[in-house]
Amino acid sequence: MSEVLPIGLLAQDLKTWESVIVSEMPEIPRNETKYKIKGHHLFETIHGHTLILDLYNHKEDKDISISFPDIEEVRLNDLSNQHQHKYYLECKVRLLDYKLKDKKGETSIGFNKDEFDDTTLMKNSYMKYRLILVN
């Protein structure tokens, strides 16, 4: 895995590649589908970046959009090459992040402090999506 990249590099790549292979669910690469890239929208928010991909599913003959909220890190896999660029998006799970901050006393939202231990909250406060850009 390589270093963290500016999200703008991914946005540029989305303009130059024809298709993306992605799972609609995080952390589940075995359910990936190949889509034609029709466009994308990138928004900077107070919680990180949100990426929306406008895609076409050839198998089902329909347009879809997939959103990736609260992106905090973008990484390009070291094994990427001229045939594919493989990106990983680290997205914050906001509810678990709030629970962790509440437990540490950084906020006073009022979550049940015994519901999760700190290690579980820290381990699960991010979800990872994989995007494989191909032609």
Protein backbone atom coordinates (compact mmCIF):
# COMPACT_ATOMS: atom_id res chain seq x y z
CA MET A 1 0.00 0.00 0.00
CA SER A 2 1.35 3.43 -0.80
CA GLU A 3 1.21 6.78 0.92
CA VAL A 4 -1.89 8.92 1.31
CA LEU A 5 -2.69 10.85 -1.88
CA PRO A 6 -4.67 14.04 -2.47
CA ILE A 7 -8.22 13.12 -3.46
CA GLY A 8 -7.80 15.33 -6.53
CA LEU A 9 -5.57 12.66 -8.09
CA LEU A 10 -8.40 10.13 -7.88
CA ALA A 11 -10.78 12.70 -9.38
CA GLN A 12 -8.37 13.20 -12.32
CA ASP A 13 -8.06 9.44 -12.82
CA LEU A 14 -11.85 9.08 -12.90
CA LYS A 15 -11.82 11.31 -15.99
CA THR A 16 -9.27 9.20 -17.87
CA TRP A 17 -10.41 5.61 -17.19
CA GLU A 18 -13.51 4.09 -18.83
CA SER A 19 -14.72 1.73 -16.10
CA VAL A 20 -14.56 1.02 -12.40
CA ILE A 21 -14.81 -2.27 -10.53
CA VAL A 22 -16.33 -1.72 -7.10
CA SER A 23 -18.45 -3.36 -4.43
CA GLU A 24 -21.52 -1.48 -3.27
CA MET A 25 -20.64 -2.58 0.28
CA PRO A 26 -17.38 -1.72 2.07
CA GLU A 27 -14.87 -4.40 3.01
CA ILE A 28 -16.49 -6.96 0.63
CA PRO A 29 -14.34 -7.24 -2.51
CA ARG A 30 -15.84 -10.57 -3.58
CA ASN A 31 -19.12 -8.87 -4.58
CA GLU A 32 -17.53 -6.41 -6.98
CA THR A 33 -19.20 -5.30 -10.21
CA LYS A 34 -17.74 -3.57 -13.25
CA TYR A 35 -19.48 -0.33 -14.27
CA LYS A 36 -18.91 2.21 -17.04
CA ILE A 37 -17.99 5.60 -15.57
CA LYS A 38 -20.43 8.29 -16.73
CA GLY A 39 -19.19 11.00 -14.37
CA HIS A 40 -18.44 11.86 -10.79
CA HIS A 41 -19.03 14.58 -8.21
CA LEU A 42 -16.64 15.40 -5.40
CA PHE A 43 -17.69 17.53 -2.43
CA GLU A 44 -15.61 18.76 0.47
CA THR A 45 -17.63 18.69 3.69
CA ILE A 46 -16.90 19.24 7.37
CA HIS A 47 -16.66 15.46 7.76
CA GLY A 48 -14.25 14.82 4.88
CA HIS A 49 -14.91 14.41 1.19
CA THR A 50 -17.93 12.77 -0.39
CA LEU A 51 -17.52 11.13 -3.79
CA ILE A 52 -20.53 10.25 -5.93
CA LEU A 53 -19.94 8.05 -8.96
CA ASP A 54 -22.48 8.13 -11.79
CA LEU A 55 -22.22 4.71 -13.42
CA TYR A 56 -23.81 2.46 -16.02
CA ASN A 57 -24.37 -1.24 -15.32
CA HIS A 58 -24.11 -3.14 -18.63
CA LYS A 59 -25.54 -6.39 -17.22
CA GLU A 60 -28.70 -4.77 -15.90
CA ASP A 61 -28.85 -2.02 -18.55
CA LYS A 62 -29.38 0.75 -16.02
CA ASP A 63 -27.74 3.85 -14.59
CA ILE A 64 -26.83 3.93 -10.91
CA SER A 65 -25.00 6.22 -8.51
CA ILE A 66 -22.81 5.08 -5.64
CA SER A 67 -21.71 7.45 -2.88
CA PHE A 68 -18.65 7.22 -0.68
CA PRO A 69 -19.16 9.56 2.30
CA ASP A 70 -16.69 10.93 4.83
CA ILE A 71 -13.51 10.04 2.91
CA GLU A 72 -10.48 10.77 5.06
CA GLU A 73 -7.73 9.01 3.10
CA VAL A 74 -7.12 7.94 -0.48
CA ARG A 75 -4.37 5.46 -1.28
CA LEU A 76 -3.18 4.09 -4.62
CA ASN A 77 -2.08 0.45 -4.41
CA ASP A 78 1.61 -0.06 -5.23
CA LEU A 79 0.66 -2.80 -7.71
CA SER A 80 -1.28 -0.36 -9.91
CA ASN A 81 -0.05 -0.28 -13.50
CA GLN A 82 -0.98 0.87 -17.03
CA HIS A 83 -3.85 -1.68 -17.10
CA GLN A 84 -5.48 -0.71 -13.81
CA HIS A 85 -5.30 1.75 -10.96
CA LYS A 86 -6.44 0.31 -7.65
CA TYR A 87 -7.53 2.86 -5.04
CA TYR A 88 -8.54 2.39 -1.42
CA LEU A 89 -10.86 4.91 0.23
CA GLU A 90 -10.80 5.13 4.02
CA CYS A 91 -14.21 6.43 5.06
CA LYS A 92 -15.11 7.40 8.62
CA VAL A 93 -18.10 5.68 10.21
CA ARG A 94 -19.43 8.81 11.81
CA LEU A 95 -21.69 7.20 14.44
CA LEU A 96 -18.85 5.05 15.83
CA ASP A 97 -16.49 8.03 15.75
CA TYR A 98 -19.01 10.06 17.77
CA LYS A 99 -19.34 7.19 20.25
CA LEU A 100 -15.55 7.03 20.66
CA LYS A 101 -15.30 10.80 21.19
CA ASP A 102 -18.22 10.70 23.64
CA LYS A 103 -16.54 7.90 25.59
CA LYS A 104 -13.29 9.89 25.77
CA GLY A 105 -15.22 12.91 27.08
CA GLU A 106 -14.63 14.99 23.94
CA THR A 107 -18.38 15.27 23.38
CA SER A 108 -21.42 14.79 25.59
CA ILE A 109 -23.90 13.23 23.19
CA GLY A 110 -24.98 10.69 25.79
CA PHE A 111 -24.18 7.33 24.23
CA ASN A 112 -24.02 4.27 26.48
CA LYS A 113 -20.35 4.28 27.43
CA ASP A 114 -20.30 0.51 28.07
CA GLU A 115 -21.78 -0.46 24.70
CA PHE A 116 -18.36 -0.84 22.99
CA ASP A 117 -14.80 -0.90 24.27
CA ASP A 118 -12.30 1.63 22.90
CA THR A 119 -10.46 -0.95 20.78
CA THR A 120 -13.66 -2.08 19.06
CA LEU A 121 -14.69 1.53 18.41
CA MET A 122 -11.27 2.49 17.04
CA LYS A 123 -11.02 -0.63 14.86
CA ASN A 124 -14.49 -0.17 13.37
CA SER A 125 -14.68 3.62 13.10
CA TYR A 126 -13.43 3.39 9.49
CA MET A 127 -14.60 1.36 6.52
CA LYS A 128 -12.56 0.75 3.41
CA TYR A 129 -13.78 0.75 -0.19
CA ARG A 130 -11.71 -0.47 -3.12
CA LEU A 131 -12.06 1.12 -6.55
CA ILE A 132 -10.28 -0.52 -9.48
CA LEU A 133 -10.12 1.75 -12.52
CA VAL A 134 -9.81 -0.08 -15.85
CA ASN A 135 -10.36 0.54 -19.56
